Amino acid sequence: MSRPLSCGGVFWGHGGSMTGYETLGGVAGNGRAVGVAVTTQPGATTKEYMGDVVDAALRAR
């Protein structure tokens, strides 16, 4: 799936979950890649923070 970045670009990737874990990762057109994993069943706030981490790691500089 593609998701927008705050810089105006997009990244390709997806997340996943299993009881007690959540992941989110992807790659941007600039070649940057990231994977984030938490060992908890996150609520909406934690999922938002995970998205912020991915955005920060992938956006163009």
C-alpha atoms as a PDB file:
ATOM      1  CA  MET A   1       0.000   0.000   0.000  1.00  0.00           C
ATOM      2  CA  SER A   2       1.132   3.560  -0.457  1.00  0.00           C
ATOM      3  CA  ARG A   3       0.835   6.183   2.251  1.00  0.00           C
ATOM      4  CA  PRO A   4       1.572   9.919   2.098  1.00  0.00           C
ATOM      5  CA  LEU A   5       4.594  11.474   3.783  1.00  0.00           C
ATOM      6  CA  SER A   6       4.549  14.919   5.397  1.00  0.00           C
ATOM      7  CA  CYS A   7       7.068  16.127   2.787  1.00  0.00           C
ATOM      8  CA  GLY A   8       4.567  15.496  -0.005  1.00  0.00           C
ATOM      9  CA  GLY A   9       6.023  12.184  -1.167  1.00  0.00           C
ATOM     10  CA  VAL A  10       4.716   8.687  -0.519  1.00  0.00           C
ATOM     11  CA  PHE A  11       6.093   5.475   0.881  1.00  0.00           C
ATOM     12  CA  TRP A  12       5.257   1.882   0.070  1.00  0.00           C
ATOM     13  CA  GLY A  13       4.874  -0.726   2.771  1.00  0.00           C
ATOM     14  CA  HIS A  14       2.467  -2.049   5.341  1.00  0.00           C
ATOM     15  CA  GLY A  15       2.052  -2.925   8.976  1.00  0.00           C
ATOM     16  CA  GLY A  16       0.947  -6.018  10.752  1.00  0.00           C
ATOM     17  CA  SER A  17      -0.090  -7.222  14.155  1.00  0.00           C
ATOM     18  CA  MET A  18      -0.389 -10.291  16.283  1.00  0.00           C
ATOM     19  CA  THR A  19      -1.420 -10.434  19.901  1.00  0.00           C
ATOM     20  CA  GLY A  20       1.216  -8.428  21.745  1.00  0.00           C
ATOM     21  CA  TYR A  21       3.037  -7.037  18.695  1.00  0.00           C
ATOM     22  CA  GLU A  22       2.573  -4.341  16.079  1.00  0.00           C
ATOM     23  CA  THR A  23       4.817  -3.487  13.109  1.00  0.00           C
ATOM     24  CA  LEU A  24       4.950  -0.765  10.474  1.00  0.00           C
ATOM     25  CA  GLY A  25       7.530  -0.302   7.760  1.00  0.00           C
ATOM     26  CA  GLY A  26       8.149   0.779   4.239  1.00  0.00           C
ATOM     27  CA  VAL A  27      10.431   2.325   1.670  1.00  0.00           C
ATOM     28  CA  ALA A  28      10.358   5.731  -0.017  1.00  0.00           C
ATOM     29  CA  GLY A  29      11.407   6.773  -3.504  1.00  0.00           C
ATOM     30  CA  ASN A  30      14.610   8.330  -2.119  1.00  0.00           C
ATOM     31  CA  GLY A  31      15.844   4.842  -1.130  1.00  0.00           C
ATOM     32  CA  ARG A  32      15.271   5.202   2.594  1.00  0.00           C
ATOM     33  CA  ALA A  33      13.709   2.223   4.350  1.00  0.00           C
ATOM     34  CA  VAL A  34      12.469   1.736   7.908  1.00  0.00           C
ATOM     35  CA  GLY A  35      10.824  -0.886  10.085  1.00  0.00           C
ATOM     36  CA  VAL A  36       9.247  -0.180  13.484  1.00  0.00           C
ATOM     37  CA  ALA A  37       8.074  -2.847  15.932  1.00  0.00           C
ATOM     38  CA  VAL A  38       6.511  -2.548  19.375  1.00  0.00           C
ATOM     39  CA  THR A  39       5.978  -5.373  21.824  1.00  0.00           C
ATOM     40  CA  THR A  40       2.580  -4.343  23.073  1.00  0.00           C
ATOM     41  CA  GLN A  41      -0.913  -4.223  21.677  1.00  0.00           C
ATOM     42  CA  PRO A  42      -0.944  -0.498  20.911  1.00  0.00           C
ATOM     43  CA  GLY A  43      -3.817   1.909  21.171  1.00  0.00           C
ATOM     44  CA  ALA A  44      -4.540   4.678  18.711  1.00  0.00           C
ATOM     45  CA  THR A  45      -1.936   7.042  20.208  1.00  0.00           C
ATOM     46  CA  THR A  46       0.897   4.511  19.937  1.00  0.00           C
ATOM     47  CA  LYS A  47      -0.070   3.699  16.347  1.00  0.00           C
ATOM     48  CA  GLU A  48       0.015   7.428  15.565  1.00  0.00           C
ATOM     49  CA  TYR A  49       3.508   7.699  17.100  1.00  0.00           C
ATOM     50  CA  MET A  50       4.650   4.732  15.012  1.00  0.00           C
ATOM     51  CA  GLY A  51       3.423   6.534  11.894  1.00  0.00           C
ATOM     52  CA  ASP A  52       5.306   9.659  12.980  1.00  0.00           C
ATOM     53  CA  VAL A  53       8.541   7.639  13.364  1.00  0.00           C
ATOM     54  CA  VAL A  54       8.151   6.112   9.902  1.00  0.00           C
ATOM     55  CA  ASP A  55       7.405   9.537   8.409  1.00  0.00           C
ATOM     56  CA  ALA A  56      10.476  11.106  10.054  1.00  0.00           C
ATOM     57  CA  ALA A  57      12.765   8.316   8.859  1.00  0.00           C
ATOM     58  CA  LEU A  58      11.526   8.349   5.240  1.00  0.00           C
ATOM     59  CA  ARG A  59      10.842  11.954   4.340  1.00  0.00           C
ATOM     60  CA  ALA A  60      13.150  13.730   1.918  1.00  0.00           C
ATOM     61  CA  ARG A  61      15.809  15.954   3.450  1.00  0.00           C
END
